[in-house]
Amino acid sequence: MTLVVVPVRYPLTEHSMATLREAIRISDERGADLSILHVDLYQHPSHVTRTELKRAVEREFGAIEQARYVIRRGLLVEETILEEIVSEEADTVVIGSKQAGRWREMLRKLRSDPDIGEYLRGELDCTVITVSVDGVTSQ
């Protein structure tokens, strides 16, 4: 089965809702499972539960068939997201433009002028889609 992973913040932000809206559309279009991921940082734990995340998403979008809700604990958001993508063998990742910007900053420390989409496509065996708050997507 095809899998789409979408990292979101909790509580859901405007950016998270735009990204999630696009991920839902893509998973419906492709008949894919959808993994809605929230990273709970060790250094700033929010102790959010899967049930809380699910309720928040369903409040905004209704029940989503083929969706699973995942809470991962981690030190770095970007690293934890990458670990989830790899371990679940995701086919598509839908990230918000803000998340892409944070990854770009992290990579800038390692490489000059990184293209986050190009980097992720090179490192991951999946499609990477970036969504801006106004719903504009790029691959």
N, C-alpha and C. Protein backbone atom coordinates (compact mmCIF):
# COMPACT_ATOMS: atom_id res chain seq x y z
N MET A 1 0.85 -1.18 0.00
CA MET A 1 0.00 0.00 0.00
C MET A 1 0.89 1.24 0.00
N THR A 2 0.49 2.24 -0.71
CA THR A 2 1.19 3.51 -0.79
C THR A 2 1.00 4.27 0.52
N LEU A 3 2.06 4.97 0.97
CA LEU A 3 1.99 5.72 2.23
C LEU A 3 2.42 7.16 2.02
N VAL A 4 1.58 8.08 2.52
CA VAL A 4 1.89 9.51 2.54
C VAL A 4 2.12 9.89 4.00
N VAL A 5 3.26 10.54 4.29
CA VAL A 5 3.56 11.02 5.63
C VAL A 5 3.46 12.54 5.63
N VAL A 6 2.78 13.08 6.64
CA VAL A 6 2.67 14.53 6.78
C VAL A 6 2.96 14.92 8.24
N PRO A 7 4.08 15.62 8.47
CA PRO A 7 4.37 16.11 9.82
C PRO A 7 3.55 17.37 10.09
N VAL A 8 2.98 17.45 11.30
CA VAL A 8 2.18 18.62 11.70
C VAL A 8 2.55 19.06 13.11
N ARG A 9 2.23 20.30 13.40
CA ARG A 9 2.38 20.81 14.76
C ARG A 9 1.09 20.57 15.52
N TYR A 10 1.21 20.51 16.84
CA TYR A 10 0.04 20.45 17.71
C TYR A 10 0.23 21.47 18.82
N PRO A 11 -0.78 22.30 19.06
CA PRO A 11 -2.03 22.38 18.34
C PRO A 11 -1.81 22.78 16.89
N LEU A 12 -2.77 22.40 16.04
CA LEU A 12 -2.64 22.64 14.60
C LEU A 12 -2.54 24.14 14.32
N THR A 13 -1.56 24.50 13.52
CA THR A 13 -1.39 25.88 13.10
C THR A 13 -2.00 26.05 11.70
N GLU A 14 -2.07 27.28 11.25
CA GLU A 14 -2.56 27.56 9.90
C GLU A 14 -1.71 26.82 8.86
N HIS A 15 -0.40 26.84 9.08
CA HIS A 15 0.51 26.14 8.16
C HIS A 15 0.28 24.63 8.19
N SER A 16 0.12 24.08 9.38
CA SER A 16 -0.13 22.64 9.51
C SER A 16 -1.43 22.24 8.82
N MET A 17 -2.46 23.08 8.95
CA MET A 17 -3.74 22.76 8.32
C MET A 17 -3.64 22.81 6.79
N ALA A 18 -2.89 23.78 6.26
CA ALA A 18 -2.70 23.85 4.80
C ALA A 18 -1.94 22.62 4.30
N THR A 19 -0.91 22.23 5.03
CA THR A 19 -0.11 21.06 4.66
C THR A 19 -0.95 19.80 4.76
N LEU A 20 -1.70 19.68 5.82
CA LEU A 20 -2.55 18.51 6.02
C LEU A 20 -3.64 18.43 4.96
N ARG A 21 -4.23 19.56 4.61
CA ARG A 21 -5.26 19.59 3.56
C ARG A 21 -4.71 19.00 2.25
N GLU A 22 -3.49 19.40 1.89
CA GLU A 22 -2.88 18.90 0.66
C GLU A 22 -2.53 17.42 0.80
N ALA A 23 -2.04 17.00 1.96
CA ALA A 23 -1.70 15.59 2.17
C ALA A 23 -2.95 14.71 2.08
N ILE A 24 -4.06 15.19 2.61
CA ILE A 24 -5.32 14.44 2.52
C ILE A 24 -5.73 14.31 1.06
N ARG A 25 -5.65 15.41 0.32
CA ARG A 25 -6.01 15.39 -1.11
C ARG A 25 -5.14 14.38 -1.87
N ILE A 26 -3.84 14.42 -1.61
CA ILE A 26 -2.91 13.52 -2.29
C ILE A 26 -3.19 12.06 -1.93
N SER A 27 -3.40 11.79 -0.64
CA SER A 27 -3.65 10.40 -0.24
C SER A 27 -4.97 9.89 -0.82
N ASP A 28 -5.98 10.74 -0.88
CA ASP A 28 -7.25 10.35 -1.50
C ASP A 28 -7.05 10.07 -2.99
N GLU A 29 -6.35 10.98 -3.65
CA GLU A 29 -6.10 10.85 -5.09
C GLU A 29 -5.35 9.56 -5.44
N ARG A 30 -4.42 9.18 -4.57
CA ARG A 30 -3.57 8.01 -4.83
C ARG A 30 -4.08 6.74 -4.16
N GLY A 31 -5.16 6.84 -3.40
CA GLY A 31 -5.64 5.68 -2.66
C GLY A 31 -4.63 5.21 -1.64
N ALA A 32 -3.93 6.16 -1.02
CA ALA A 32 -2.82 5.85 -0.11
C ALA A 32 -3.24 5.94 1.35
N ASP A 33 -2.50 5.23 2.20
CA ASP A 33 -2.61 5.43 3.64
C ASP A 33 -1.98 6.77 3.96
N LEU A 34 -2.45 7.38 5.03
CA LEU A 34 -1.93 8.69 5.47
C LEU A 34 -1.44 8.57 6.90
N SER A 35 -0.18 8.94 7.11
CA SER A 35 0.41 8.94 8.44
C SER A 35 0.58 10.40 8.87
N ILE A 36 -0.18 10.79 9.89
CA ILE A 36 -0.14 12.16 10.40
C ILE A 36 0.78 12.14 11.61
N LEU A 37 1.91 12.83 11.47
CA LEU A 37 3.01 12.74 12.43
C LEU A 37 3.19 14.04 13.21
N HIS A 38 3.29 13.92 14.51
CA HIS A 38 3.68 15.05 15.36
C HIS A 38 4.93 14.65 16.14
N VAL A 39 5.92 15.53 16.18
CA VAL A 39 7.14 15.26 16.93
C VAL A 39 7.07 16.03 18.24
N ASP A 40 7.15 15.30 19.34
CA ASP A 40 7.16 15.85 20.69
C ASP A 40 8.62 15.92 21.13
N LEU A 41 9.15 17.11 21.25
CA LEU A 41 10.57 17.29 21.56
C LEU A 41 10.88 16.95 23.02
N TYR A 42 11.98 16.26 23.22
CA TYR A 42 12.42 15.93 24.57
C TYR A 42 12.63 17.19 25.41
N GLN A 43 13.22 18.22 24.80
CA GLN A 43 13.57 19.42 25.56
C GLN A 43 12.37 20.34 25.80
N HIS A 44 11.27 20.18 25.06
CA HIS A 44 10.05 20.97 25.24
C HIS A 44 8.83 20.06 25.10
N PRO A 45 8.70 19.09 25.99
CA PRO A 45 7.63 18.11 25.79
C PRO A 45 6.24 18.73 25.93
N SER A 46 5.36 18.37 24.99
CA SER A 46 3.98 18.82 25.08
C SER A 46 3.08 17.70 25.58
N HIS A 47 3.62 16.49 25.57
CA HIS A 47 2.90 15.30 26.05
C HIS A 47 1.56 15.12 25.34
N VAL A 48 1.51 15.50 24.08
CA VAL A 48 0.29 15.32 23.31
C VAL A 48 0.08 13.82 23.06
N THR A 49 -1.15 13.41 23.03
CA THR A 49 -1.46 12.00 22.79
C THR A 49 -1.99 11.82 21.36
N ARG A 50 -1.97 10.58 20.91
CA ARG A 50 -2.54 10.27 19.59
C ARG A 50 -4.00 10.66 19.54
N THR A 51 -4.73 10.43 20.63
CA THR A 51 -6.15 10.76 20.69
C THR A 51 -6.37 12.26 20.54
N GLU A 52 -5.55 13.06 21.21
CA GLU A 52 -5.67 14.52 21.09
C GLU A 52 -5.39 14.99 19.67
N LEU A 53 -4.35 14.42 19.07
CA LEU A 53 -4.02 14.78 17.69
C LEU A 53 -5.16 14.38 16.76
N LYS A 54 -5.67 13.18 16.91
CA LYS A 54 -6.76 12.70 16.06
C LYS A 54 -7.99 13.59 16.21
N ARG A 55 -8.35 13.94 17.42
CA ARG A 55 -9.52 14.80 17.64
C ARG A 55 -9.34 16.17 16.99
N ALA A 56 -8.15 16.73 17.11
CA ALA A 56 -7.88 18.04 16.52
C ALA A 56 -8.00 17.99 15.00
N VAL A 57 -7.43 16.94 14.40
CA VAL A 57 -7.50 16.79 12.94
C VAL A 57 -8.94 16.58 12.50
N GLU A 58 -9.66 15.70 13.19
CA GLU A 58 -11.04 15.41 12.81
C GLU A 58 -11.96 16.60 13.03
N ARG A 59 -11.65 17.44 13.99
CA ARG A 59 -12.42 18.66 14.21
C ARG A 59 -12.33 19.58 12.99
N GLU A 60 -11.16 19.60 12.35
CA GLU A 60 -10.94 20.46 11.18
C GLU A 60 -11.34 19.81 9.86
N PHE A 61 -11.13 18.49 9.74
CA PHE A 61 -11.28 17.82 8.45
C PHE A 61 -12.28 16.67 8.44
N GLY A 62 -12.85 16.34 9.57
CA GLY A 62 -13.72 15.17 9.65
C GLY A 62 -12.89 13.90 9.73
N ALA A 63 -13.59 12.78 9.81
CA ALA A 63 -12.90 11.50 9.89
C ALA A 63 -12.15 11.24 8.58
N ILE A 64 -10.94 10.74 8.69
CA ILE A 64 -10.11 10.46 7.52
C ILE A 64 -9.87 8.96 7.47
N GLU A 65 -10.40 8.34 6.43
CA GLU A 65 -10.19 6.90 6.27
C GLU A 65 -8.72 6.66 5.94
N GLN A 66 -8.23 5.53 6.32
CA GLN A 66 -6.85 5.11 6.04
C GLN A 66 -5.81 6.01 6.71
N ALA A 67 -6.21 6.75 7.76
CA ALA A 67 -5.25 7.62 8.46
C ALA A 67 -4.80 6.95 9.75
N ARG A 68 -3.53 7.18 10.06
CA ARG A 68 -3.03 6.77 11.36
C ARG A 68 -2.35 7.99 11.97
N TYR A 69 -2.37 8.06 13.27
CA TYR A 69 -1.85 9.22 13.99
C TYR A 69 -0.64 8.76 14.79
N VAL A 70 0.48 9.46 14.59
CA VAL A 70 1.74 9.03 15.17
C VAL A 70 2.35 10.17 15.98
N ILE A 71 2.75 9.86 17.20
CA ILE A 71 3.49 10.80 18.03
C ILE A 71 4.87 10.19 18.24
N ARG A 72 5.91 10.91 17.86
CA ARG A 72 7.28 10.45 18.06
C ARG A 72 7.99 11.45 18.97
N ARG A 73 8.80 10.93 19.86
CA ARG A 73 9.63 11.78 20.72
C ARG A 73 10.99 11.88 20.07
N GLY A 74 11.57 13.08 20.13
CA GLY A 74 12.87 13.26 19.53
C GLY A 74 13.57 14.50 20.03
N LEU A 75 14.84 14.59 19.73
CA LEU A 75 15.65 15.75 20.11
C LEU A 75 15.58 16.82 19.03
N LEU A 76 15.63 16.39 17.77
CA LEU A 76 15.55 17.30 16.63
C LEU A 76 14.34 16.93 15.77
N VAL A 77 13.49 17.89 15.49
CA VAL A 77 12.28 17.64 14.70
C VAL A 77 12.64 17.03 13.36
N GLU A 78 13.59 17.66 12.66
CA GLU A 78 13.92 17.23 11.30
C GLU A 78 14.45 15.79 11.29
N GLU A 79 15.32 15.47 12.23
CA GLU A 79 15.89 14.12 12.29
C GLU A 79 14.80 13.09 12.60
N THR A 80 13.90 13.43 13.51
CA THR A 80 12.83 12.51 13.89
C THR A 80 11.89 12.27 12.71
N ILE A 81 11.60 13.32 11.95
CA ILE A 81 10.75 13.18 10.76
C ILE A 81 11.44 12.27 9.75
N LEU A 82 12.72 12.49 9.51
CA LEU A 82 13.46 11.65 8.56
C LEU A 82 13.45 10.19 9.00
N GLU A 83 13.64 9.95 10.29
CA GLU A 83 13.62 8.58 10.81
C GLU A 83 12.27 7.92 10.55
N GLU A 84 11.20 8.67 10.75
CA GLU A 84 9.86 8.13 10.52
C GLU A 84 9.64 7.82 9.04
N ILE A 85 10.07 8.73 8.18
CA ILE A 85 9.92 8.53 6.73
C ILE A 85 10.64 7.27 6.29
N VAL A 86 11.87 7.11 6.76
CA VAL A 86 12.68 5.94 6.38
C VAL A 86 12.11 4.66 6.98
N SER A 87 11.78 4.69 8.26
CA SER A 87 11.33 3.45 8.91
C SER A 87 9.99 2.98 8.36
N GLU A 88 9.14 3.90 7.94
CA GLU A 88 7.84 3.52 7.40
C GLU A 88 7.86 3.32 5.89
N GLU A 89 9.02 3.57 5.28
CA GLU A 89 9.18 3.43 3.83
C GLU A 89 8.11 4.21 3.08
N ALA A 90 7.98 5.49 3.45
CA ALA A 90 6.97 6.37 2.84
C ALA A 90 7.22 6.55 1.36
N ASP A 91 6.14 6.65 0.61
CA ASP A 91 6.22 6.91 -0.83
C ASP A 91 6.22 8.40 -1.11
N THR A 92 5.51 9.16 -0.27
CA THR A 92 5.38 10.60 -0.44
C THR A 92 5.44 11.26 0.92
N VAL A 93 6.12 12.41 0.97
CA VAL A 93 6.17 13.22 2.17
C VAL A 93 5.65 14.60 1.80
N VAL A 94 4.72 15.10 2.59
CA VAL A 94 4.18 16.43 2.36
C VAL A 94 4.60 17.29 3.55
N ILE A 95 5.43 18.30 3.27
CA ILE A 95 5.92 19.17 4.34
C ILE A 95 5.52 20.60 4.06
N GLY A 96 5.39 21.37 5.13
CA GLY A 96 5.08 22.79 4.98
C GLY A 96 6.33 23.56 4.61
N SER A 97 6.13 24.71 3.99
CA SER A 97 7.26 25.54 3.58
C SER A 97 8.09 25.99 4.78
N LYS A 98 7.43 26.17 5.95
CA LYS A 98 8.19 26.53 7.15
C LYS A 98 9.13 25.41 7.55
N GLN A 99 8.65 24.17 7.48
CA GLN A 99 9.49 23.01 7.81
C GLN A 99 10.65 22.91 6.83
N ALA A 100 10.36 23.13 5.56
CA ALA A 100 11.42 23.09 4.55
C ALA A 100 12.47 24.15 4.86
N GLY A 101 12.03 25.31 5.33
CA GLY A 101 12.97 26.38 5.69
C GLY A 101 13.87 25.97 6.85
N ARG A 102 13.33 25.28 7.83
CA ARG A 102 14.15 24.82 8.97
C ARG A 102 15.15 23.78 8.52
N TRP A 103 14.73 22.87 7.63
CA TRP A 103 15.67 21.88 7.10
C TRP A 103 16.76 22.58 6.30
N ARG A 104 16.38 23.59 5.55
CA ARG A 104 17.35 24.33 4.74
C ARG A 104 18.41 24.95 5.66
N GLU A 105 17.99 25.55 6.77
CA GLU A 105 18.94 26.15 7.71
C GLU A 105 19.86 25.10 8.31
N MET A 106 19.31 23.95 8.66
CA MET A 106 20.12 22.87 9.22
C MET A 106 21.16 22.43 8.19
N LEU A 107 20.73 22.27 6.93
CA LEU A 107 21.65 21.81 5.89
C LEU A 107 22.67 22.88 5.50
N ARG A 108 22.30 24.14 5.63
CA ARG A 108 23.21 25.22 5.28
C ARG A 108 24.48 25.14 6.12
N LYS A 109 24.35 24.62 7.33
CA LYS A 109 25.52 24.45 8.19
C LYS A 109 26.47 23.39 7.63
N LEU A 110 25.92 22.47 6.84
CA LEU A 110 26.72 21.38 6.29
C LEU A 110 27.14 21.62 4.84
N ARG A 111 26.30 22.33 4.09
CA ARG A 111 26.54 22.55 2.66
C ARG A 111 26.19 23.99 2.32
N SER A 112 26.79 24.52 1.26
CA SER A 112 26.43 25.87 0.85
C SER A 112 25.21 25.82 -0.05
N ASP A 113 24.26 26.74 0.16
CA ASP A 113 23.07 26.92 -0.65
C ASP A 113 22.33 25.61 -0.94
N PRO A 114 21.84 24.93 0.09
CA PRO A 114 21.16 23.66 -0.15
C PRO A 114 19.76 23.86 -0.72
N ASP A 115 19.36 22.99 -1.60
CA ASP A 115 18.00 22.91 -2.10
C ASP A 115 17.37 21.76 -1.33
N ILE A 116 16.46 22.06 -0.40
CA ILE A 116 15.93 21.04 0.50
C ILE A 116 15.19 19.94 -0.26
N GLY A 117 14.42 20.32 -1.26
CA GLY A 117 13.71 19.31 -2.04
C GLY A 117 14.67 18.36 -2.73
N GLU A 118 15.72 18.92 -3.34
CA GLU A 118 16.73 18.12 -4.03
C GLU A 118 17.45 17.22 -3.03
N TYR A 119 17.81 17.77 -1.86
CA TYR A 119 18.50 16.99 -0.84
C TYR A 119 17.64 15.81 -0.39
N LEU A 120 16.37 16.09 -0.04
CA LEU A 120 15.50 15.02 0.45
C LEU A 120 15.24 13.97 -0.63
N ARG A 121 15.06 14.41 -1.86
CA ARG A 121 14.85 13.45 -2.95
C ARG A 121 16.08 12.57 -3.13
N GLY A 122 17.27 13.14 -2.92
CA GLY A 122 18.50 12.37 -3.03
C GLY A 122 18.70 11.40 -1.89
N GLU A 123 18.23 11.79 -0.70
CA GLU A 123 18.43 10.97 0.49
C GLU A 123 17.31 9.96 0.71
N LEU A 124 16.12 10.28 0.22
CA LEU A 124 14.96 9.44 0.47
C LEU A 124 14.44 8.86 -0.83
N ASP A 125 13.92 7.68 -0.76
CA ASP A 125 13.34 7.05 -1.93
C ASP A 125 11.83 7.34 -1.94
N CYS A 126 11.49 8.64 -2.04
CA CYS A 126 10.09 9.02 -2.05
C CYS A 126 9.94 10.40 -2.69
N THR A 127 8.70 10.76 -2.98
CA THR A 127 8.38 12.08 -3.51
C THR A 127 8.26 13.06 -2.35
N VAL A 128 8.83 14.25 -2.49
CA VAL A 128 8.74 15.28 -1.46
C VAL A 128 7.94 16.43 -2.04
N ILE A 129 6.85 16.78 -1.36
CA ILE A 129 5.98 17.87 -1.78
C ILE A 129 6.00 18.93 -0.69
N THR A 130 6.24 20.18 -1.07
CA THR A 130 6.27 21.30 -0.13
C THR A 130 5.02 22.15 -0.35
N VAL A 131 4.36 22.51 0.75
CA VAL A 131 3.12 23.28 0.69
C VAL A 131 3.30 24.59 1.44
N SER A 132 2.90 25.70 0.81
CA SER A 132 2.92 26.99 1.50
C SER A 132 1.57 27.19 2.18
N VAL A 133 1.49 28.18 3.05
CA VAL A 133 0.27 28.42 3.81
C VAL A 133 -0.92 28.73 2.91
N ASP A 134 -0.66 29.27 1.72
CA ASP A 134 -1.76 29.57 0.79
C ASP A 134 -2.14 28.36 -0.06
N GLY A 135 -1.53 27.21 0.23
CA GLY A 135 -1.88 25.97 -0.45
C GLY A 135 -1.12 25.70 -1.73
N VAL A 136 -0.17 26.56 -2.09
CA VAL A 136 0.63 26.35 -3.30
C VAL A 136 1.62 25.22 -3.02
N THR A 137 1.70 24.26 -3.94
CA THR A 137 2.59 23.12 -3.74
C THR A 137 3.71 23.12 -4.76
N SER A 138 4.82 22.51 -4.37
CA SER A 138 5.93 22.28 -5.29
C SER A 138 6.51 20.91 -5.00
N GLN A 139 7.08 20.30 -6.04
CA GLN A 139 7.67 18.96 -5.87
C GLN A 139 9.14 19.00 -6.13
